């Protein structure tokens, strides 16, 4: 739509910006959040997937109600998670995996 999501690893948060005004509309996370050095983001429908390098997890954020749920736990830093061409892929420290 009219929004852009960005991750901020040093602040342990993700933020939603309005493209028209370039103002921050929403911030999720912070010092005591589930996110630990969030990196890659992947948006699919009303789900935002947040890769958390610090705790090796992929978090799922419902963009309708902003609930945060653990989606996957890899046990090692995860840098990117995406779905493309019918495949789900994850880029970890140890390599790229088809899930």
Protein backbone atom coordinates (compact mmCIF):
# COMPACT_ATOMS: atom_id res chain seq x y z
CA UNK A 1 0.00 0.00 0.00
CA UNK A 2 1.30 3.33 1.11
CA UNK A 3 3.74 2.02 3.71
CA UNK A 4 7.35 0.95 4.00
CA UNK A 5 8.72 -1.33 6.74
CA UNK A 6 12.31 -1.04 7.97
CA UNK A 7 14.39 -2.89 10.56
CA UNK A 8 16.77 -1.27 13.03
CA UNK A 9 19.22 -3.87 14.40
CA UNK A 10 20.88 -1.53 16.91
CA UNK A 11 17.49 -0.61 18.42
CA UNK A 12 15.95 -4.14 18.28
CA UNK A 13 12.85 -2.85 16.49
CA UNK A 14 11.00 -2.57 13.19
CA UNK A 15 9.11 0.52 12.07
CA UNK A 16 6.37 1.31 9.59
CA UNK A 17 6.72 4.54 7.58
CA UNK A 18 4.11 6.37 5.53
CA UNK A 19 5.57 6.77 2.02
CA UNK A 20 3.61 9.94 1.30
CA UNK A 21 4.75 11.82 4.39
CA UNK A 22 7.93 9.80 5.13
CA UNK A 23 6.93 9.84 8.78
CA UNK A 24 7.11 6.93 11.15
CA UNK A 25 3.62 5.58 11.87
CA UNK A 26 4.43 2.67 14.13
CA UNK A 27 7.39 1.14 15.96
CA UNK A 28 7.42 -2.45 17.26
CA UNK A 29 10.14 -3.65 19.58
CA UNK A 30 12.83 -1.98 21.61
CA UNK A 31 15.30 -2.95 24.31
CA UNK A 32 13.17 -5.71 25.91
CA UNK A 33 11.45 -6.99 22.76
CA UNK A 34 11.40 -10.39 21.08
CA UNK A 35 13.56 -9.00 18.28
CA UNK A 36 17.30 -9.25 18.73
CA UNK A 37 19.19 -7.45 15.98
CA UNK A 38 16.37 -7.72 13.41
CA UNK A 39 17.59 -7.82 9.82
CA UNK A 40 15.70 -9.13 6.80
CA UNK A 41 12.01 -8.40 6.41
CA UNK A 42 9.53 -10.23 4.19
CA UNK A 43 5.93 -9.10 3.73
CA UNK A 44 3.31 -11.58 2.53
CA UNK A 45 -0.30 -10.43 2.68
CA UNK A 46 -0.98 -9.28 6.23
CA UNK A 47 2.08 -11.05 7.68
CA UNK A 48 5.46 -9.39 8.15
CA UNK A 49 8.28 -11.86 8.79
CA UNK A 50 11.20 -10.45 10.77
CA UNK A 51 14.57 -12.24 10.82
CA UNK A 52 16.23 -11.94 14.19
CA UNK A 53 19.97 -12.40 13.93
CA UNK A 54 20.57 -12.21 17.68
CA UNK A 55 18.32 -15.11 18.73
CA UNK A 56 18.12 -17.17 15.53
CA UNK A 57 14.38 -16.80 15.09
CA UNK A 58 11.91 -15.62 12.49
CA UNK A 59 9.06 -13.65 14.02
CA UNK A 60 5.64 -13.17 12.43
CA UNK A 61 3.95 -9.80 12.87
CA UNK A 62 0.25 -9.60 12.02
CA UNK A 63 -0.04 -6.22 10.26
CA UNK A 64 -3.73 -5.93 11.17
CA UNK A 65 -3.41 -6.14 14.96
CA UNK A 66 0.43 -6.04 15.35
CA UNK A 67 0.56 -9.26 17.35
CA UNK A 68 4.06 -10.79 17.35
CA UNK A 69 4.42 -14.59 17.28
CA UNK A 70 7.43 -16.84 16.97
CA UNK A 71 7.33 -18.36 13.47
CA UNK A 72 10.54 -20.45 13.34
CA UNK A 73 13.57 -21.08 15.55
CA UNK A 74 16.79 -21.95 13.71
CA UNK A 75 19.15 -21.88 16.69
CA UNK A 76 21.67 -19.76 14.76
CA UNK A 77 21.63 -16.24 13.28
CA UNK A 78 19.01 -15.90 10.53
CA UNK A 79 19.53 -13.09 8.04
CA UNK A 80 16.80 -13.57 5.44
CA UNK A 81 13.54 -15.48 5.06
CA UNK A 82 11.40 -15.39 1.94
CA UNK A 83 8.93 -17.25 -0.21
CA UNK A 84 9.46 -17.20 -3.95
CA UNK A 85 8.34 -19.43 -6.82
CA UNK A 86 6.56 -21.84 -4.47
CA UNK A 87 9.68 -22.24 -2.29
CA UNK A 88 10.44 -21.01 1.20
CA UNK A 89 14.09 -20.08 1.73
CA UNK A 90 16.16 -19.04 4.71
CA UNK A 91 19.67 -17.58 4.77
CA UNK A 92 21.50 -18.50 7.96
CA UNK A 93 25.13 -18.19 9.03
CA UNK A 94 25.67 -21.80 7.90
CA UNK A 95 24.15 -21.36 4.43
CA UNK A 96 20.96 -21.00 2.40
CA UNK A 97 18.24 -23.59 2.97
CA UNK A 98 15.03 -24.57 1.19
CA UNK A 99 12.43 -25.27 3.86
